[in-house]
């Protein structure tokens, strides 16, 4: 659709940092991110993650943040 309309698609990439619901997991990100960067008519405008228990489990939250930081 973007090519046909001659427009770029803006998108945010969801990172699965440990919650296990949606998003790209760390291992898959190494092969997916370079492909996304090379895609014609795409523009990644941001990345995000959901920290599962940020208010209750600070160790797990730090692990999730570390994963997100590696990918970002």
C-alpha atoms as a PDB file:
ATOM      1  CA  UNK A   1       0.000   0.000   0.000  1.00  0.00           C
ATOM      2  CA  UNK A   2       2.765   2.480   0.912  1.00  0.00           C
ATOM      3  CA  UNK A   3       4.572   1.903  -2.377  1.00  0.00           C
ATOM      4  CA  UNK A   4       1.362   2.300  -4.358  1.00  0.00           C
ATOM      5  CA  UNK A   5       0.557   5.573  -2.593  1.00  0.00           C
ATOM      6  CA  UNK A   6       4.216   6.671  -2.696  1.00  0.00           C
ATOM      7  CA  UNK A   7       4.221   7.300   1.063  1.00  0.00           C
ATOM      8  CA  UNK A   8       6.294   6.091   3.971  1.00  0.00           C
ATOM      9  CA  UNK A   9       4.725   4.088   6.756  1.00  0.00           C
ATOM     10  CA  UNK A  10       5.653   5.297  10.233  1.00  0.00           C
ATOM     11  CA  UNK A  11       5.622   2.643  12.940  1.00  0.00           C
ATOM     12  CA  UNK A  12       6.774   1.795  16.455  1.00  0.00           C
ATOM     13  CA  UNK A  13       8.439  -1.542  17.138  1.00  0.00           C
ATOM     14  CA  UNK A  14       7.178  -3.435  20.216  1.00  0.00           C
ATOM     15  CA  UNK A  15       9.928  -5.249  22.118  1.00  0.00           C
ATOM     16  CA  UNK A  16       9.010  -8.270  24.239  1.00  0.00           C
ATOM     17  CA  UNK A  17      11.287  -7.678  27.197  1.00  0.00           C
ATOM     18  CA  UNK A  18       9.950 -10.559  29.230  1.00  0.00           C
ATOM     19  CA  UNK A  19       6.204 -10.246  29.561  1.00  0.00           C
ATOM     20  CA  UNK A  20       5.689 -12.841  26.842  1.00  0.00           C
ATOM     21  CA  UNK A  21       2.641 -11.460  25.088  1.00  0.00           C
ATOM     22  CA  UNK A  22       3.483  -9.433  22.003  1.00  0.00           C
ATOM     23  CA  UNK A  23       6.574  -7.974  20.414  1.00  0.00           C
ATOM     24  CA  UNK A  24       9.930  -8.982  19.051  1.00  0.00           C
ATOM     25  CA  UNK A  25      12.044 -11.058  21.434  1.00  0.00           C
ATOM     26  CA  UNK A  26      15.744 -10.304  21.912  1.00  0.00           C
ATOM     27  CA  UNK A  27      17.006 -13.300  19.933  1.00  0.00           C
ATOM     28  CA  UNK A  28      14.772 -12.541  16.929  1.00  0.00           C
ATOM     29  CA  UNK A  29      15.581  -8.835  16.961  1.00  0.00           C
ATOM     30  CA  UNK A  30      19.101  -9.457  15.668  1.00  0.00           C
ATOM     31  CA  UNK A  31      17.736 -10.732  12.367  1.00  0.00           C
ATOM     32  CA  UNK A  32      14.573  -8.615  12.162  1.00  0.00           C
ATOM     33  CA  UNK A  33      15.926  -5.109  12.828  1.00  0.00           C
ATOM     34  CA  UNK A  34      18.395  -5.010   9.899  1.00  0.00           C
ATOM     35  CA  UNK A  35      15.604  -6.149   7.561  1.00  0.00           C
ATOM     36  CA  UNK A  36      13.263  -3.454   8.826  1.00  0.00           C
ATOM     37  CA  UNK A  37      15.903  -0.768   8.336  1.00  0.00           C
ATOM     38  CA  UNK A  38      16.371  -1.854   4.706  1.00  0.00           C
ATOM     39  CA  UNK A  39      12.647  -1.961   3.899  1.00  0.00           C
ATOM     40  CA  UNK A  40      11.494   0.488   1.289  1.00  0.00           C
ATOM     41  CA  UNK A  41       8.915   3.040   2.407  1.00  0.00           C
ATOM     42  CA  UNK A  42       9.133   2.361   6.138  1.00  0.00           C
ATOM     43  CA  UNK A  43      10.166   4.708   8.903  1.00  0.00           C
ATOM     44  CA  UNK A  44      10.590   3.354  12.422  1.00  0.00           C
ATOM     45  CA  UNK A  45       9.714   6.306  14.639  1.00  0.00           C
ATOM     46  CA  UNK A  46      10.113   4.564  17.982  1.00  0.00           C
ATOM     47  CA  UNK A  47      10.394   1.442  20.070  1.00  0.00           C
ATOM     48  CA  UNK A  48       8.521   0.471  23.201  1.00  0.00           C
ATOM     49  CA  UNK A  49       8.151  -2.308  25.758  1.00  0.00           C
ATOM     50  CA  UNK A  50       5.825  -3.176  28.600  1.00  0.00           C
ATOM     51  CA  UNK A  51       7.430  -3.809  31.968  1.00  0.00           C
ATOM     52  CA  UNK A  52       5.294  -6.504  33.553  1.00  0.00           C
ATOM     53  CA  UNK A  53       5.732  -5.818  37.261  1.00  0.00           C
ATOM     54  CA  UNK A  54       7.675  -2.571  37.500  1.00  0.00           C
ATOM     55  CA  UNK A  55       6.076  -1.611  40.789  1.00  0.00           C
ATOM     56  CA  UNK A  56       6.608  -4.990  42.479  1.00  0.00           C
ATOM     57  CA  UNK A  57       9.706  -6.792  41.172  1.00  0.00           C
ATOM     58  CA  UNK A  58      12.632  -4.420  40.702  1.00  0.00           C
ATOM     59  CA  UNK A  59      15.108  -7.167  39.738  1.00  0.00           C
ATOM     60  CA  UNK A  60      12.900  -8.479  36.922  1.00  0.00           C
ATOM     61  CA  UNK A  61      12.186  -4.914  35.806  1.00  0.00           C
ATOM     62  CA  UNK A  62      15.922  -4.222  35.586  1.00  0.00           C
ATOM     63  CA  UNK A  63      16.345  -7.373  33.479  1.00  0.00           C
ATOM     64  CA  UNK A  64      13.585  -6.172  31.163  1.00  0.00           C
ATOM     65  CA  UNK A  65      15.215  -2.743  30.910  1.00  0.00           C
ATOM     66  CA  UNK A  66      18.568  -4.373  30.098  1.00  0.00           C
ATOM     67  CA  UNK A  67      16.962  -6.357  27.249  1.00  0.00           C
ATOM     68  CA  UNK A  68      15.252  -3.250  25.880  1.00  0.00           C
ATOM     69  CA  UNK A  69      18.511  -1.276  26.078  1.00  0.00           C
ATOM     70  CA  UNK A  70      20.417  -3.965  24.161  1.00  0.00           C
ATOM     71  CA  UNK A  71      17.901  -3.817  21.315  1.00  0.00           C
ATOM     72  CA  UNK A  72      17.441  -0.051  21.322  1.00  0.00           C
END
